[in-house]
Amino acid sequence: MSKRQEGLTEEKMRKIAAGATVAGVLLVLFLIVILIIQFVQMGVANAQSSHLSDEIDRYTELLEKGEQDLEFYKTQSGLYYLALQQGWQTPSD
C-alpha cells in the first residue's frame, strides 16, 4: 500500500506544480498587460500635455498681439485707422 500512496503523492505534486506554473504564467501575463496599458496611458497623457502646452503658447501669442493692437487703437492714429475702416471719410475742403 505504501507504493500506491507514494504514487498518488507524486501525481498530486505534479498537478500542484503544473497548477502553480499555470498560475504564475497567468500572473505574469496579467502584469504585462497592466504594464502595456500604463505605458499607453502615459503616452496619451504626454501627447495631451504637449498639445495643451502648444495651445497655451498659441493663446499667449494671441493675447500679446491683442494687447499690442489695443495699445495701437488707443492712440490717435489707431482711432483714425479704425474710422477709415468703418467707412468714414476725411473732410475735403
Protein backbone atom coordinates (compact mmCIF):
# COMPACT_ATOMS: atom_id res chain seq x y z
CA MET A 1 0.00 0.00 0.00
CA SER A 2 2.87 2.37 0.54
CA LYS A 3 3.73 2.32 -3.20
CA ARG A 4 0.18 3.37 -4.06
CA GLN A 5 0.31 6.23 -1.59
CA GLU A 6 3.69 7.33 -2.92
CA GLY A 7 2.35 7.32 -6.49
CA LEU A 8 -0.61 9.43 -5.55
CA THR A 9 1.60 11.87 -3.70
CA GLU A 10 3.93 12.13 -6.71
CA GLU A 11 0.97 12.61 -9.04
CA LYS A 12 -0.51 15.21 -6.74
CA MET A 13 2.84 17.00 -6.61
CA ARG A 14 2.96 17.10 -10.42
CA LYS A 15 -0.59 18.51 -10.54
CA ILE A 16 0.26 21.10 -7.92
CA ALA A 17 3.43 22.05 -9.81
CA ALA A 18 1.51 22.31 -13.10
CA GLY A 19 -1.20 24.42 -11.44
CA ALA A 20 1.37 26.69 -9.84
CA THR A 21 3.14 27.07 -13.19
CA VAL A 22 -0.11 27.99 -14.94
CA ALA A 23 -0.99 30.43 -12.16
CA GLY A 24 2.48 32.00 -12.38
CA VAL A 25 2.30 32.36 -16.15
CA LEU A 26 -1.18 33.90 -15.93
CA LEU A 27 0.03 36.32 -13.27
CA VAL A 28 3.00 37.36 -15.42
CA LEU A 29 0.74 37.84 -18.47
CA PHE A 30 -1.69 39.88 -16.39
CA LEU A 31 1.14 42.09 -15.13
CA ILE A 32 2.48 42.54 -18.67
CA VAL A 33 -0.97 43.62 -19.88
CA ILE A 34 -1.20 46.11 -16.98
CA LEU A 35 2.27 47.44 -17.88
CA ILE A 36 1.30 47.90 -21.53
CA ILE A 37 -1.88 49.72 -20.53
CA GLN A 38 0.10 52.01 -18.22
CA PHE A 39 2.63 52.83 -20.96
CA VAL A 40 -0.18 53.64 -23.41
CA GLN A 41 -1.85 55.88 -20.83
CA MET A 42 1.44 57.65 -20.18
CA GLY A 43 1.91 58.20 -23.91
CA VAL A 44 -1.61 59.60 -24.27
CA ALA A 45 -1.10 61.87 -21.24
CA ASN A 46 2.22 63.14 -22.64
CA ALA A 47 0.65 63.82 -26.03
CA GLN A 48 -2.25 65.65 -24.42
CA SER A 49 0.14 67.65 -22.23
CA SER A 50 2.16 68.62 -25.30
CA HIS A 51 -0.99 69.62 -27.18
CA LEU A 52 -2.22 71.73 -24.25
CA SER A 53 1.19 73.36 -23.93
CA ASP A 54 1.07 74.28 -27.62
CA GLU A 55 -2.43 75.71 -27.16
CA ILE A 56 -1.27 77.77 -24.18
CA ASP A 57 1.60 79.17 -26.25
CA ARG A 58 -0.76 79.98 -29.12
CA TYR A 59 -3.25 81.79 -26.87
CA THR A 60 -0.43 83.65 -25.13
CA GLU A 61 0.74 84.93 -28.52
CA LEU A 62 -2.83 85.94 -29.44
CA LEU A 63 -3.18 87.75 -26.14
CA GLU A 64 0.08 89.63 -26.64
CA LYS A 65 -0.93 90.59 -30.19
CA GLY A 66 -4.33 91.71 -28.92
CA GLU A 67 -2.69 93.87 -26.26
CA GLN A 68 -0.45 95.43 -28.91
CA ASP A 69 -3.47 96.10 -31.12
CA LEU A 70 -5.35 97.61 -28.18
CA GLU A 71 -2.47 99.95 -27.42
CA PHE A 72 -2.36 100.97 -31.10
CA TYR A 73 -6.11 101.64 -31.24
CA LYS A 74 -5.88 103.79 -28.11
CA THR A 75 -3.62 106.20 -29.98
CA GLN A 76 -4.86 108.96 -32.26
CA SER A 77 -3.54 107.28 -35.41
CA GLY A 78 -5.18 103.99 -34.36
CA LEU A 79 -8.55 105.68 -33.95
CA TYR A 80 -8.10 107.35 -37.31
CA TYR A 81 -7.31 104.00 -38.91
CA LEU A 82 -10.44 102.45 -37.35
CA ALA A 83 -12.58 105.33 -38.56
CA LEU A 84 -11.32 104.88 -42.12
CA GLN A 85 -12.02 101.15 -41.92
CA GLN A 86 -15.60 101.86 -40.84
CA GLY A 87 -16.20 103.98 -43.93
CA TRP A 88 -15.57 107.42 -42.53
CA GLN A 89 -14.00 109.87 -44.88
CA THR A 90 -11.70 112.75 -44.29
CA PRO A 91 -13.35 116.08 -44.77
CA SER A 92 -12.45 117.62 -48.10
CA ASP A 93 -12.00 121.35 -48.22
